[in-house]
Amino acid sequence: MKGLLLKDLYLAARYCRAFLILEIVFLTVAFFGKANVFFIVYPTLVAGILPMSLLSYDERDKWNQYCETLPCSRAQVVSVKYIIGLLFSGVTWLISMTATVVRMVLFDSFSIRELLFWGEILLVLGVIGPMLLLPFVFKLGVEKGRILFYVMIGLLCAISVVVNSVGLQTSIASGNPLLLTIIAAAGILLYLLSWRLSIMFYKQREL
């Protein structure tokens, strides 16, 4: 399990460096801009779907077939991708929340309610990508799941644009803390369910 995790971390360090640049650019724009929702949520969305990119490299290099000869189970192969997704999303979440706090302090607009709002929203957005995509990918393969991948990206970006057009303050004002907490908890539970489904699908799949 540790070896599989290190393999994915090395792979991410080699092929996903552009994400770090994207993270810096988008958070910088969000920091100096007027709280544009798209620039705040997009890095979190991308972090959540990085396991999809790693799976694409695995299939290209025939890693899945080679992995069958190693002393590791298919459940471990699946679990590593979900752990990587949580790791990337968690780091991005921390960076985004830190930038949000600094921005609020510097611009004298600190609000616990707004901070909690963004914390819960970004938490959900960080898990929604892998939660929806990975079961399909582990069942059908990366190539067949790629169309869903692009549809998902387009849909999430469209949602962020629509939310931004309504206005940040309106969204925050209407956000019920209890409702947001329930949504966040539901997102985590659905992530665990997706994890279980992916293990079941991958065990049944012929490589």
C-alpha atoms as a PDB file:
ATOM      1  CA  MET A   1       0.000   0.000   0.000  1.00  0.00           C
ATOM      2  CA  LYS A   2       2.801   2.409   0.920  1.00  0.00           C
ATOM      3  CA  GLY A   3       4.619   1.553  -2.315  1.00  0.00           C
ATOM      4  CA  LEU A   4       1.506   2.246  -4.391  1.00  0.00           C
ATOM      5  CA  LEU A   5       1.037   5.577  -2.659  1.00  0.00           C
ATOM      6  CA  LEU A   6       4.668   6.583  -3.280  1.00  0.00           C
ATOM      7  CA  LYS A   7       4.346   5.556  -6.927  1.00  0.00           C
ATOM      8  CA  ASP A   8       1.404   7.895  -7.422  1.00  0.00           C
ATOM      9  CA  LEU A   9       3.144  10.726  -5.584  1.00  0.00           C
ATOM     10  CA  TYR A  10       6.212  10.366  -7.819  1.00  0.00           C
ATOM     11  CA  LEU A  11       3.961  10.236 -10.875  1.00  0.00           C
ATOM     12  CA  ALA A  12       2.099  13.354  -9.772  1.00  0.00           C
ATOM     13  CA  ALA A  13       5.373  15.182  -9.105  1.00  0.00           C
ATOM     14  CA  ARG A  14       6.547  14.388 -12.637  1.00  0.00           C
ATOM     15  CA  TYR A  15       3.428  14.951 -14.704  1.00  0.00           C
ATOM     16  CA  CYS A  16       1.200  17.262 -12.643  1.00  0.00           C
ATOM     17  CA  ARG A  17       3.538  20.191 -12.032  1.00  0.00           C
ATOM     18  CA  ALA A  18       1.298  22.424 -14.127  1.00  0.00           C
ATOM     19  CA  PHE A  19      -1.333  22.116 -11.421  1.00  0.00           C
ATOM     20  CA  LEU A  20       0.921  23.949  -8.946  1.00  0.00           C
ATOM     21  CA  ILE A  21       1.284  26.846 -11.385  1.00  0.00           C
ATOM     22  CA  LEU A  22      -2.468  26.859 -11.987  1.00  0.00           C
ATOM     23  CA  GLU A  23      -3.072  26.879  -8.231  1.00  0.00           C
ATOM     24  CA  ILE A  24      -0.823  29.912  -7.738  1.00  0.00           C
ATOM     25  CA  VAL A  25      -2.300  31.853 -10.665  1.00  0.00           C
ATOM     26  CA  PHE A  26      -5.948  31.243  -9.784  1.00  0.00           C
ATOM     27  CA  LEU A  27      -5.540  31.928  -6.070  1.00  0.00           C
ATOM     28  CA  THR A  28      -3.577  35.095  -6.844  1.00  0.00           C
ATOM     29  CA  VAL A  29      -6.390  36.316  -9.097  1.00  0.00           C
ATOM     30  CA  ALA A  30      -8.959  35.416  -6.428  1.00  0.00           C
ATOM     31  CA  PHE A  31      -6.877  37.150  -3.772  1.00  0.00           C
ATOM     32  CA  PHE A  32      -6.550  40.473  -5.577  1.00  0.00           C
ATOM     33  CA  GLY A  33      -9.876  40.287  -7.405  1.00  0.00           C
ATOM     34  CA  LYS A  34     -13.366  40.758  -6.083  1.00  0.00           C
ATOM     35  CA  ALA A  35     -13.972  37.255  -4.737  1.00  0.00           C
ATOM     36  CA  ASN A  36     -14.767  35.735  -8.109  1.00  0.00           C
ATOM     37  CA  VAL A  37     -16.253  32.311  -7.315  1.00  0.00           C
ATOM     38  CA  PHE A  38     -14.729  30.614 -10.366  1.00  0.00           C
ATOM     39  CA  PHE A  39     -11.133  31.430  -9.397  1.00  0.00           C
ATOM     40  CA  ILE A  40     -11.744  30.284  -5.820  1.00  0.00           C
ATOM     41  CA  VAL A  41     -13.357  26.916  -6.562  1.00  0.00           C
ATOM     42  CA  TYR A  42     -11.554  25.847  -9.757  1.00  0.00           C
ATOM     43  CA  PRO A  43      -8.245  24.820  -8.091  1.00  0.00           C
ATOM     44  CA  THR A  44     -10.190  22.653  -5.641  1.00  0.00           C
ATOM     45  CA  LEU A  45     -12.114  20.993  -8.471  1.00  0.00           C
ATOM     46  CA  VAL A  46      -8.913  20.249 -10.381  1.00  0.00           C
ATOM     47  CA  ALA A  47      -7.210  18.842  -7.271  1.00  0.00           C
ATOM     48  CA  GLY A  48     -10.108  16.459  -6.753  1.00  0.00           C
ATOM     49  CA  ILE A  49      -9.882  14.994 -10.260  1.00  0.00           C
ATOM     50  CA  LEU A  50      -6.091  14.562 -10.350  1.00  0.00           C
ATOM     51  CA  PRO A  51      -6.525  10.818  -9.592  1.00  0.00           C
ATOM     52  CA  MET A  52      -8.239  10.611 -12.984  1.00  0.00           C
ATOM     53  CA  SER A  53      -5.070  11.910 -14.642  1.00  0.00           C
ATOM     54  CA  LEU A  54      -2.941   9.414 -12.729  1.00  0.00           C
ATOM     55  CA  LEU A  55      -5.213   6.576 -13.845  1.00  0.00           C
ATOM     56  CA  SER A  56      -4.772   7.740 -17.428  1.00  0.00           C
ATOM     57  CA  TYR A  57      -0.988   7.396 -17.104  1.00  0.00           C
ATOM     58  CA  ASP A  58      -1.436   3.979 -15.476  1.00  0.00           C
ATOM     59  CA  GLU A  59      -3.474   2.695 -18.425  1.00  0.00           C
ATOM     60  CA  ARG A  60      -1.081   4.189 -20.954  1.00  0.00           C
ATOM     61  CA  ASP A  61       1.879   2.424 -19.343  1.00  0.00           C
ATOM     62  CA  LYS A  62      -0.034  -0.871 -18.817  1.00  0.00           C
ATOM     63  CA  TRP A  63       0.459  -0.483 -15.080  1.00  0.00           C
ATOM     64  CA  ASN A  64      -2.836  -2.179 -14.220  1.00  0.00           C
ATOM     65  CA  GLN A  65      -1.745  -5.442 -15.857  1.00  0.00           C
ATOM     66  CA  TYR A  66       1.710  -5.270 -14.295  1.00  0.00           C
ATOM     67  CA  CYS A  67       0.218  -4.536 -10.884  1.00  0.00           C
ATOM     68  CA  GLU A  68      -1.629  -7.870 -11.005  1.00  0.00           C
ATOM     69  CA  THR A  69       1.752  -9.611 -10.546  1.00  0.00           C
ATOM     70  CA  LEU A  70       2.567  -7.636  -7.404  1.00  0.00           C
ATOM     71  CA  PRO A  71       1.600  -8.591  -3.822  1.00  0.00           C
ATOM     72  CA  CYS A  72      -1.181  -6.026  -3.588  1.00  0.00           C
ATOM     73  CA  SER A  73      -4.928  -6.364  -3.888  1.00  0.00           C
ATOM     74  CA  ARG A  74      -7.252  -4.534  -6.259  1.00  0.00           C
ATOM     75  CA  ALA A  75      -8.893  -2.951  -3.234  1.00  0.00           C
ATOM     76  CA  GLN A  76      -5.542  -1.381  -2.358  1.00  0.00           C
ATOM     77  CA  VAL A  77      -5.080  -0.115  -5.928  1.00  0.00           C
ATOM     78  CA  VAL A  78      -8.452   1.621  -5.745  1.00  0.00           C
ATOM     79  CA  SER A  79      -7.943   2.898  -2.212  1.00  0.00           C
ATOM     80  CA  VAL A  80      -4.679   4.628  -3.131  1.00  0.00           C
ATOM     81  CA  LYS A  81      -6.450   6.728  -5.773  1.00  0.00           C
ATOM     82  CA  TYR A  82      -9.078   7.844  -3.256  1.00  0.00           C
ATOM     83  CA  ILE A  83      -6.405   8.635  -0.664  1.00  0.00           C
ATOM     84  CA  ILE A  84      -4.448  10.626  -3.256  1.00  0.00           C
ATOM     85  CA  GLY A  85      -7.648  12.504  -4.121  1.00  0.00           C
ATOM     86  CA  LEU A  86      -8.180  13.371  -0.454  1.00  0.00           C
ATOM     87  CA  LEU A  87      -4.530  14.380  -0.064  1.00  0.00           C
ATOM     88  CA  PHE A  88      -4.518  16.741  -3.049  1.00  0.00           C
ATOM     89  CA  SER A  89      -7.920  18.172  -2.178  1.00  0.00           C
ATOM     90  CA  GLY A  90      -6.916  18.609   1.461  1.00  0.00           C
ATOM     91  CA  VAL A  91      -3.721  20.486   0.628  1.00  0.00           C
ATOM     92  CA  THR A  92      -5.570  22.708  -1.844  1.00  0.00           C
ATOM     93  CA  TRP A  93      -8.295  23.301   0.727  1.00  0.00           C
ATOM     94  CA  LEU A  94      -5.738  24.431   3.296  1.00  0.00           C
ATOM     95  CA  ILE A  95      -4.043  26.779   0.819  1.00  0.00           C
ATOM     96  CA  SER A  96      -7.372  28.223  -0.318  1.00  0.00           C
ATOM     97  CA  MET A  97      -8.618  28.754   3.223  1.00  0.00           C
ATOM     98  CA  THR A  98      -5.331  30.348   4.278  1.00  0.00           C
ATOM     99  CA  ALA A  99      -5.497  32.722   1.310  1.00  0.00           C
ATOM    100  CA  THR A 100      -9.112  33.523   2.174  1.00  0.00           C
ATOM    101  CA  VAL A 101      -8.251  34.361   5.794  1.00  0.00           C
ATOM    102  CA  VAL A 102      -5.296  36.551   4.765  1.00  0.00           C
ATOM    103  CA  ARG A 103      -7.440  38.348   2.219  1.00  0.00           C
ATOM    104  CA  MET A 104     -10.190  39.004   4.769  1.00  0.00           C
ATOM    105  CA  VAL A 105      -7.708  40.361   7.334  1.00  0.00           C
ATOM    106  CA  LEU A 106      -5.897  42.597   4.862  1.00  0.00           C
ATOM    107  CA  PHE A 107      -9.112  44.025   3.443  1.00  0.00           C
ATOM    108  CA  ASP A 108     -10.724  44.307   6.910  1.00  0.00           C
ATOM    109  CA  SER A 109     -13.635  42.052   5.960  1.00  0.00           C
ATOM    110  CA  PHE A 110     -13.100  39.069   8.248  1.00  0.00           C
ATOM    111  CA  SER A 111     -16.279  37.062   8.825  1.00  0.00           C
ATOM    112  CA  ILE A 112     -16.538  33.723  10.620  1.00  0.00           C
ATOM    113  CA  ARG A 113     -19.750  32.944   8.759  1.00  0.00           C
ATOM    114  CA  GLU A 114     -18.166  33.611   5.374  1.00  0.00           C
ATOM    115  CA  LEU A 115     -15.106  31.577   6.330  1.00  0.00           C
ATOM    116  CA  LEU A 116     -17.229  28.606   7.404  1.00  0.00           C
ATOM    117  CA  PHE A 117     -19.282  28.966   4.236  1.00  0.00           C
ATOM    118  CA  TRP A 118     -16.214  28.690   2.013  1.00  0.00           C
ATOM    119  CA  GLY A 119     -14.694  25.949   4.131  1.00  0.00           C
ATOM    120  CA  GLU A 120     -17.723  23.704   3.758  1.00  0.00           C
ATOM    121  CA  ILE A 121     -18.326  24.549   0.099  1.00  0.00           C
ATOM    122  CA  LEU A 122     -14.711  23.849  -0.880  1.00  0.00           C
ATOM    123  CA  LEU A 123     -14.777  20.625   1.135  1.00  0.00           C
ATOM    124  CA  VAL A 124     -17.749  19.361  -0.867  1.00  0.00           C
ATOM    125  CA  LEU A 125     -16.290  20.509  -4.197  1.00  0.00           C
ATOM    126  CA  GLY A 126     -13.033  18.733  -3.401  1.00  0.00           C
ATOM    127  CA  VAL A 127     -14.707  15.336  -3.110  1.00  0.00           C
ATOM    128  CA  ILE A 128     -17.462  15.643  -5.712  1.00  0.00           C
ATOM    129  CA  GLY A 129     -15.172  15.077  -8.711  1.00  0.00           C
ATOM    130  CA  PRO A 130     -13.596  11.746  -7.674  1.00  0.00           C
ATOM    131  CA  MET A 131     -16.841  10.704  -5.999  1.00  0.00           C
ATOM    132  CA  LEU A 132     -18.711  10.831  -9.322  1.00  0.00           C
ATOM    133  CA  LEU A 133     -15.943   9.921 -11.771  1.00  0.00           C
ATOM    134  CA  LEU A 134     -13.849   7.174 -10.196  1.00  0.00           C
ATOM    135  CA  PRO A 135     -16.554   4.453 -10.027  1.00  0.00           C
ATOM    136  CA  PHE A 136     -17.170   4.857 -13.780  1.00  0.00           C
ATOM    137  CA  VAL A 137     -13.443   4.849 -14.539  1.00  0.00           C
ATOM    138  CA  PHE A 138     -12.739   1.737 -12.488  1.00  0.00           C
ATOM    139  CA  LYS A 139     -15.684  -0.019 -14.130  1.00  0.00           C
ATOM    140  CA  LEU A 140     -15.239   1.112 -17.752  1.00  0.00           C
ATOM    141  CA  GLY A 141     -11.632   2.269 -17.994  1.00  0.00           C
ATOM    142  CA  VAL A 142     -10.172   5.726 -18.501  1.00  0.00           C
ATOM    143  CA  GLU A 143     -10.916   6.051 -22.209  1.00  0.00           C
ATOM    144  CA  LYS A 144     -14.631   5.347 -21.840  1.00  0.00           C
ATOM    145  CA  GLY A 145     -14.807   7.496 -18.737  1.00  0.00           C
ATOM    146  CA  ARG A 146     -13.038  10.423 -20.431  1.00  0.00           C
ATOM    147  CA  ILE A 147     -16.251  11.778 -21.979  1.00  0.00           C
ATOM    148  CA  LEU A 148     -17.889  11.865 -18.568  1.00  0.00           C
ATOM    149  CA  PHE A 149     -14.741  13.538 -17.267  1.00  0.00           C
ATOM    150  CA  TYR A 150     -15.046  16.460 -19.682  1.00  0.00           C
ATOM    151  CA  VAL A 151     -18.802  16.736 -19.172  1.00  0.00           C
ATOM    152  CA  MET A 152     -18.219  16.899 -15.431  1.00  0.00           C
ATOM    153  CA  ILE A 153     -15.605  19.647 -15.750  1.00  0.00           C
ATOM    154  CA  GLY A 154     -17.865  21.696 -18.017  1.00  0.00           C
ATOM    155  CA  LEU A 155     -20.841  21.257 -15.694  1.00  0.00           C
ATOM    156  CA  LEU A 156     -18.936  22.273 -12.572  1.00  0.00           C
ATOM    157  CA  CYS A 157     -17.426  25.303 -14.294  1.00  0.00           C
ATOM    158  CA  ALA A 158     -20.876  26.324 -15.536  1.00  0.00           C
ATOM    159  CA  ILE A 159     -22.275  26.004 -12.011  1.00  0.00           C
ATOM    160  CA  SER A 160     -19.507  28.208 -10.615  1.00  0.00           C
ATOM    161  CA  VAL A 161     -20.185  30.865 -13.263  1.00  0.00           C
ATOM    162  CA  VAL A 162     -23.922  30.823 -12.506  1.00  0.00           C
ATOM    163  CA  VAL A 163     -23.277  31.094  -8.761  1.00  0.00           C
ATOM    164  CA  ASN A 164     -20.898  33.981  -9.380  1.00  0.00           C
ATOM    165  CA  SER A 165     -23.485  35.790 -11.526  1.00  0.00           C
ATOM    166  CA  VAL A 166     -25.939  35.681  -8.611  1.00  0.00           C
ATOM    167  CA  GLY A 167     -23.384  37.368  -6.366  1.00  0.00           C
ATOM    168  CA  LEU A 168     -21.139  36.208  -3.563  1.00  0.00           C
ATOM    169  CA  GLN A 169     -22.835  38.157  -0.793  1.00  0.00           C
ATOM    170  CA  THR A 170     -26.267  36.840  -1.802  1.00  0.00           C
ATOM    171  CA  SER A 171     -24.989  33.276  -1.673  1.00  0.00           C
ATOM    172  CA  ILE A 172     -23.438  33.759   1.745  1.00  0.00           C
ATOM    173  CA  ALA A 173     -26.453  35.550   3.160  1.00  0.00           C
ATOM    174  CA  SER A 174     -28.774  32.753   2.095  1.00  0.00           C
ATOM    175  CA  GLY A 175     -26.453  29.988   3.273  1.00  0.00           C
ATOM    176  CA  ASN A 176     -27.900  28.210   6.309  1.00  0.00           C
ATOM    177  CA  PRO A 177     -24.956  26.945   8.432  1.00  0.00           C
ATOM    178  CA  LEU A 178     -26.824  23.813   9.484  1.00  0.00           C
ATOM    179  CA  LEU A 179     -27.806  23.031   5.887  1.00  0.00           C
ATOM    180  CA  LEU A 180     -24.223  23.536   4.691  1.00  0.00           C
ATOM    181  CA  THR A 181     -22.955  21.228   7.433  1.00  0.00           C
ATOM    182  CA  ILE A 182     -25.461  18.543   6.422  1.00  0.00           C
ATOM    183  CA  ILE A 183     -24.367  18.902   2.789  1.00  0.00           C
ATOM    184  CA  ALA A 184     -20.701  18.591   3.788  1.00  0.00           C
ATOM    185  CA  ALA A 185     -21.415  15.467   5.872  1.00  0.00           C
ATOM    186  CA  ALA A 186     -23.440  13.963   3.028  1.00  0.00           C
ATOM    187  CA  GLY A 187     -20.548  14.654   0.640  1.00  0.00           C
ATOM    188  CA  ILE A 188     -18.132  12.753   2.868  1.00  0.00           C
ATOM    189  CA  LEU A 189     -20.521   9.798   3.244  1.00  0.00           C
ATOM    190  CA  LEU A 190     -21.102   9.663  -0.517  1.00  0.00           C
ATOM    191  CA  TYR A 191     -17.332   9.746  -1.057  1.00  0.00           C
ATOM    192  CA  LEU A 192     -16.982   6.659   1.141  1.00  0.00           C
ATOM    193  CA  LEU A 193     -19.826   4.965  -0.754  1.00  0.00           C
ATOM    194  CA  SER A 194     -18.137   5.807  -4.069  1.00  0.00           C
ATOM    195  CA  TRP A 195     -14.912   4.314  -2.685  1.00  0.00           C
ATOM    196  CA  ARG A 196     -16.704   1.069  -1.890  1.00  0.00           C
ATOM    197  CA  LEU A 197     -18.406   0.928  -5.286  1.00  0.00           C
ATOM    198  CA  SER A 198     -15.102   1.466  -7.093  1.00  0.00           C
ATOM    199  CA  ILE A 199     -13.539  -1.440  -5.217  1.00  0.00           C
ATOM    200  CA  MET A 200     -16.474  -3.675  -6.155  1.00  0.00           C
ATOM    201  CA  PHE A 201     -16.383  -2.602  -9.831  1.00  0.00           C
ATOM    202  CA  TYR A 202     -12.611  -3.012 -10.149  1.00  0.00           C
ATOM    203  CA  LYS A 203     -12.660  -6.484  -8.598  1.00  0.00           C
ATOM    204  CA  GLN A 204     -15.184  -7.568 -11.256  1.00  0.00           C
ATOM    205  CA  ARG A 205     -13.370  -5.955 -14.190  1.00  0.00           C
ATOM    206  CA  GLU A 206     -11.288  -7.949 -16.647  1.00  0.00           C
ATOM    207  CA  LEU A 207      -7.962  -6.313 -17.460  1.00  0.00           C
END
